[in-house]
Amino acid sequence: MRWERFFEDLEQQLDSEWEAERAALDTEAERLRLARLALRTRLHALAADDAEVALDVGDGDLLRGRLTGVGADWVTLDLETPARDAAVVPIAAVSSIDAAHADLLRSARGTASVSLSAERMTFGFVLRDLVRRRVAVRVHTRSGRRYDGTIDRAGADHLDLALHEQTEPRRRAAVRGFRLVPFDAVTWVRIGGGVP
């Protein structure tokens, strides 16, 4: 009887050691997985969940809204404004992201599917689409300046902006100047007629 109990104790100790070793391996595997987890992957997961976020961007603005899309180097946000304007934000301009704790935890799983076409769409690609659509925008820059107008051209690393009032269509008589803005200087672009 004593030997049976002795072997049962040894068996329990062995099982406990195996469980502890497996838990340690699982923990290490999770650390390695998180070490490889990219911010864009988490942003994709937040967008897939239609998460409400606040983006702190380089010009000091705090953009609140629903994360709606992620591209190669940008995100889009439906802003919490009466006009429900949209924002296109280069990921490099984001200094922090505020979201509900549960959303942040879900995003750490990184399980959202990513479209290959979205992976190829760069910030310049999105701006060239705005050129094609001829929509009025407000371009916010790292220096804190804001320029209202229409993007005339979007090159490889810069945009040409025709300056005019947000509420006016781009007409020669309405244009009061032009700006050449490097993409690196842009913190975000507001799209919509409700620009305050």
Protein backbone atom coordinates (compact mmCIF):
# COMPACT_ATOMS: atom_id res chain seq x y z
CA MET A 1 0.00 0.00 0.00
CA ARG A 2 2.81 2.44 0.86
CA TRP A 3 4.58 1.70 -2.45
CA GLU A 4 1.43 2.40 -4.42
CA ARG A 5 1.14 5.75 -2.74
CA PHE A 6 4.83 6.43 -3.34
CA PHE A 7 4.42 5.79 -7.09
CA GLU A 8 1.24 7.88 -7.19
CA ASP A 9 3.15 10.76 -5.61
CA LEU A 10 5.98 10.37 -8.13
CA GLU A 11 3.46 10.28 -10.98
CA GLN A 12 1.76 13.44 -9.69
CA GLN A 13 5.10 15.20 -9.37
CA LEU A 14 6.02 14.21 -12.92
CA ASP A 15 2.63 15.43 -14.21
CA SER A 16 3.08 18.73 -12.35
CA GLU A 17 6.55 19.21 -13.82
CA TRP A 18 5.26 18.44 -17.32
CA GLU A 19 2.41 20.95 -16.85
CA ALA A 20 4.83 23.60 -15.57
CA GLU A 21 7.18 23.00 -18.49
CA ARG A 22 4.32 23.14 -21.01
CA ALA A 23 3.02 26.36 -19.42
CA ALA A 24 6.51 27.88 -19.63
CA LEU A 25 6.80 26.86 -23.30
CA ASP A 26 3.32 28.28 -24.03
CA THR A 27 4.27 31.55 -22.32
CA GLU A 28 7.53 31.76 -24.27
CA ALA A 29 5.71 30.98 -27.54
CA GLU A 30 3.22 33.77 -26.77
CA ARG A 31 6.08 36.19 -26.07
CA LEU A 32 7.70 35.28 -29.38
CA ARG A 33 4.39 35.68 -31.24
CA LEU A 34 3.85 39.12 -29.69
CA ALA A 35 7.42 40.10 -30.51
CA ARG A 36 6.60 39.54 -34.20
CA LEU A 37 3.22 41.32 -34.06
CA ALA A 38 3.25 44.51 -36.15
CA LEU A 39 1.22 47.64 -35.43
CA ARG A 40 -0.47 47.36 -38.84
CA THR A 41 -1.70 43.87 -37.92
CA ARG A 42 -3.30 45.26 -34.78
CA LEU A 43 -4.78 48.16 -36.74
CA HIS A 44 -6.32 45.66 -39.20
CA ALA A 45 -7.91 43.83 -36.26
CA LEU A 46 -9.25 47.10 -34.80
CA ALA A 47 -10.71 48.08 -38.18
CA ALA A 48 -12.29 44.64 -38.61
CA ASP A 49 -14.03 45.16 -35.24
CA ASP A 50 -15.17 48.70 -36.21
CA ALA A 51 -13.38 49.86 -33.08
CA GLU A 52 -13.81 53.36 -31.71
CA VAL A 53 -10.34 54.86 -31.30
CA ALA A 54 -8.58 58.15 -30.66
CA LEU A 55 -5.44 58.76 -32.70
CA ASP A 56 -2.89 61.19 -31.31
CA VAL A 57 -1.17 62.62 -34.38
CA GLY A 58 2.03 64.57 -34.82
CA ASP A 59 0.46 68.03 -34.99
CA GLY A 60 -1.10 67.67 -31.54
CA ASP A 61 -4.61 66.82 -32.78
CA LEU A 62 -6.56 63.98 -31.19
CA LEU A 63 -8.77 62.34 -33.82
CA ARG A 64 -11.76 60.43 -32.43
CA GLY A 65 -13.85 58.07 -34.49
CA ARG A 66 -14.31 54.61 -35.90
CA LEU A 67 -11.33 52.98 -37.57
CA THR A 68 -12.58 51.94 -41.00
CA GLY A 69 -9.57 50.98 -43.10
CA VAL A 70 -5.87 50.22 -43.13
CA GLY A 71 -3.54 50.38 -46.11
CA ALA A 72 0.15 49.90 -46.66
CA ASP A 73 1.11 53.01 -44.66
CA TRP A 74 -2.15 54.76 -43.69
CA VAL A 75 -5.42 54.36 -41.81
CA THR A 76 -8.86 55.86 -42.34
CA LEU A 77 -11.16 57.07 -39.64
CA ASP A 78 -14.82 58.10 -39.69
CA LEU A 79 -14.56 61.14 -37.45
CA GLU A 80 -16.94 61.90 -34.59
CA THR A 81 -18.12 65.15 -36.12
CA PRO A 82 -21.65 66.30 -36.93
CA ALA A 83 -20.83 66.04 -40.66
CA ARG A 84 -19.20 62.59 -40.16
CA ASP A 85 -16.10 63.65 -42.08
CA ALA A 86 -13.37 61.14 -42.79
CA ALA A 87 -9.65 61.32 -42.11
CA VAL A 88 -6.74 59.66 -43.88
CA VAL A 89 -3.78 59.41 -41.53
CA PRO A 90 -0.25 58.22 -42.39
CA ILE A 91 0.69 55.58 -39.80
CA ALA A 92 4.04 57.34 -39.34
CA ALA A 93 2.15 60.42 -38.06
CA VAL A 94 0.38 58.48 -35.28
CA SER A 95 2.09 58.88 -31.91
CA SER A 96 -0.43 56.83 -29.87
CA ILE A 97 -3.77 55.05 -30.15
CA ASP A 98 -6.43 55.07 -27.47
CA ALA A 99 -9.03 52.28 -27.60
CA ALA A 100 -11.14 50.22 -25.22
CA HIS A 101 -9.09 47.65 -23.32
CA ALA A 102 -11.12 44.75 -24.72
CA ASP A 103 -10.48 46.01 -28.29
CA LEU A 104 -6.74 46.28 -27.60
CA LEU A 105 -6.66 42.74 -26.23
CA ARG A 106 -8.55 41.38 -29.26
CA SER A 107 -6.21 43.24 -31.61
CA ALA A 108 -3.23 41.52 -29.97
CA ARG A 109 -4.53 38.22 -31.35
CA GLY A 110 -3.87 39.59 -34.84
CA THR A 111 -6.37 37.29 -36.54
CA ALA A 112 -8.03 39.76 -38.94
CA SER A 113 -7.80 38.85 -42.61
CA VAL A 114 -5.91 41.35 -44.72
CA SER A 115 -6.77 42.08 -48.34
CA LEU A 116 -3.80 41.95 -50.70
CA SER A 117 -5.03 45.01 -52.58
CA ALA A 118 -5.19 47.02 -49.33
CA GLU A 119 -1.62 45.96 -48.59
CA ARG A 120 -0.49 47.54 -51.85
CA MET A 121 -2.42 50.81 -51.47
CA THR A 122 -0.04 53.47 -50.25
CA PHE A 123 -0.80 56.94 -48.89
CA GLY A 124 0.06 58.34 -52.33
CA PHE A 125 -2.44 55.97 -53.96
CA VAL A 126 -5.22 57.26 -51.70
CA LEU A 127 -4.27 60.88 -52.43
CA ARG A 128 -4.27 60.19 -56.18
CA ASP A 129 -7.83 58.89 -55.79
CA LEU A 130 -8.75 62.19 -54.11
CA VAL A 131 -7.19 64.00 -57.09
CA ARG A 132 -9.41 61.99 -59.42
CA ARG A 133 -12.53 62.70 -57.34
CA ARG A 134 -11.72 66.44 -57.01
CA VAL A 135 -12.94 66.58 -53.40
CA ALA A 136 -12.21 69.44 -51.05
CA VAL A 137 -9.79 68.54 -48.25
CA ARG A 138 -7.99 70.07 -45.32
CA VAL A 139 -4.33 69.02 -45.11
CA HIS A 140 -2.84 69.12 -41.60
CA THR A 141 0.95 69.32 -41.32
CA ARG A 142 3.54 68.57 -38.64
CA SER A 143 4.15 72.29 -38.19
CA GLY A 144 0.52 72.74 -37.13
CA ARG A 145 -0.51 74.51 -40.33
CA ARG A 146 -3.76 73.60 -42.06
CA TYR A 147 -4.41 74.11 -45.73
CA ASP A 148 -7.88 73.99 -47.31
CA GLY A 149 -8.25 73.20 -50.98
CA THR A 150 -8.19 70.53 -53.64
CA ILE A 151 -5.29 68.22 -54.36
CA ASP A 152 -4.26 68.83 -57.99
CA ARG A 153 -1.50 66.23 -58.18
CA ALA A 154 -0.01 63.55 -55.95
CA GLY A 155 3.50 62.46 -56.81
CA ALA A 156 5.68 59.74 -55.34
CA ASP A 157 6.36 61.66 -52.13
CA HIS A 158 4.48 64.97 -52.30
CA LEU A 159 1.20 66.62 -53.26
CA ASP A 160 0.21 69.83 -55.03
CA LEU A 161 -2.64 71.63 -53.29
CA ALA A 162 -4.74 74.40 -54.84
CA LEU A 163 -5.79 76.62 -51.93
CA HIS A 164 -9.42 77.73 -51.77
CA GLU A 165 -12.28 77.87 -49.30
CA GLN A 166 -13.53 74.45 -48.25
CA THR A 167 -17.12 75.33 -49.18
CA GLU A 168 -16.27 76.51 -52.71
CA PRO A 169 -15.57 74.26 -55.69
CA ARG A 170 -12.10 74.49 -57.18
CA ARG A 171 -12.43 77.23 -59.77
CA ARG A 172 -9.66 79.45 -61.09
CA ALA A 173 -11.27 82.54 -59.53
CA ALA A 174 -11.60 80.82 -56.12
CA VAL A 175 -7.97 79.61 -55.95
CA ARG A 176 -5.86 81.97 -53.84
CA GLY A 177 -2.57 80.09 -54.04
CA PHE A 178 -0.79 76.77 -54.30
CA ARG A 179 1.28 74.63 -51.93
CA LEU A 180 3.67 71.79 -52.57
CA VAL A 181 3.53 69.55 -49.47
CA PRO A 182 5.84 66.56 -48.87
CA PHE A 183 4.01 63.43 -47.64
CA ASP A 184 6.40 63.33 -44.66
CA ALA A 185 5.01 66.69 -43.51
CA VAL A 186 1.36 65.53 -43.59
CA THR A 187 -0.13 64.39 -40.29
CA TRP A 188 -3.63 63.83 -41.64
CA VAL A 189 -6.06 64.79 -44.35
CA ARG A 190 -9.67 65.64 -43.53
CA ILE A 191 -12.19 64.79 -46.23
CA GLY A 192 -15.68 66.24 -46.20
CA GLY A 193 -17.61 69.44 -46.32
CA GLY A 194 -18.02 69.76 -42.57
CA VAL A 195 -14.56 71.15 -41.91
CA PRO A 196 -14.84 73.69 -39.05
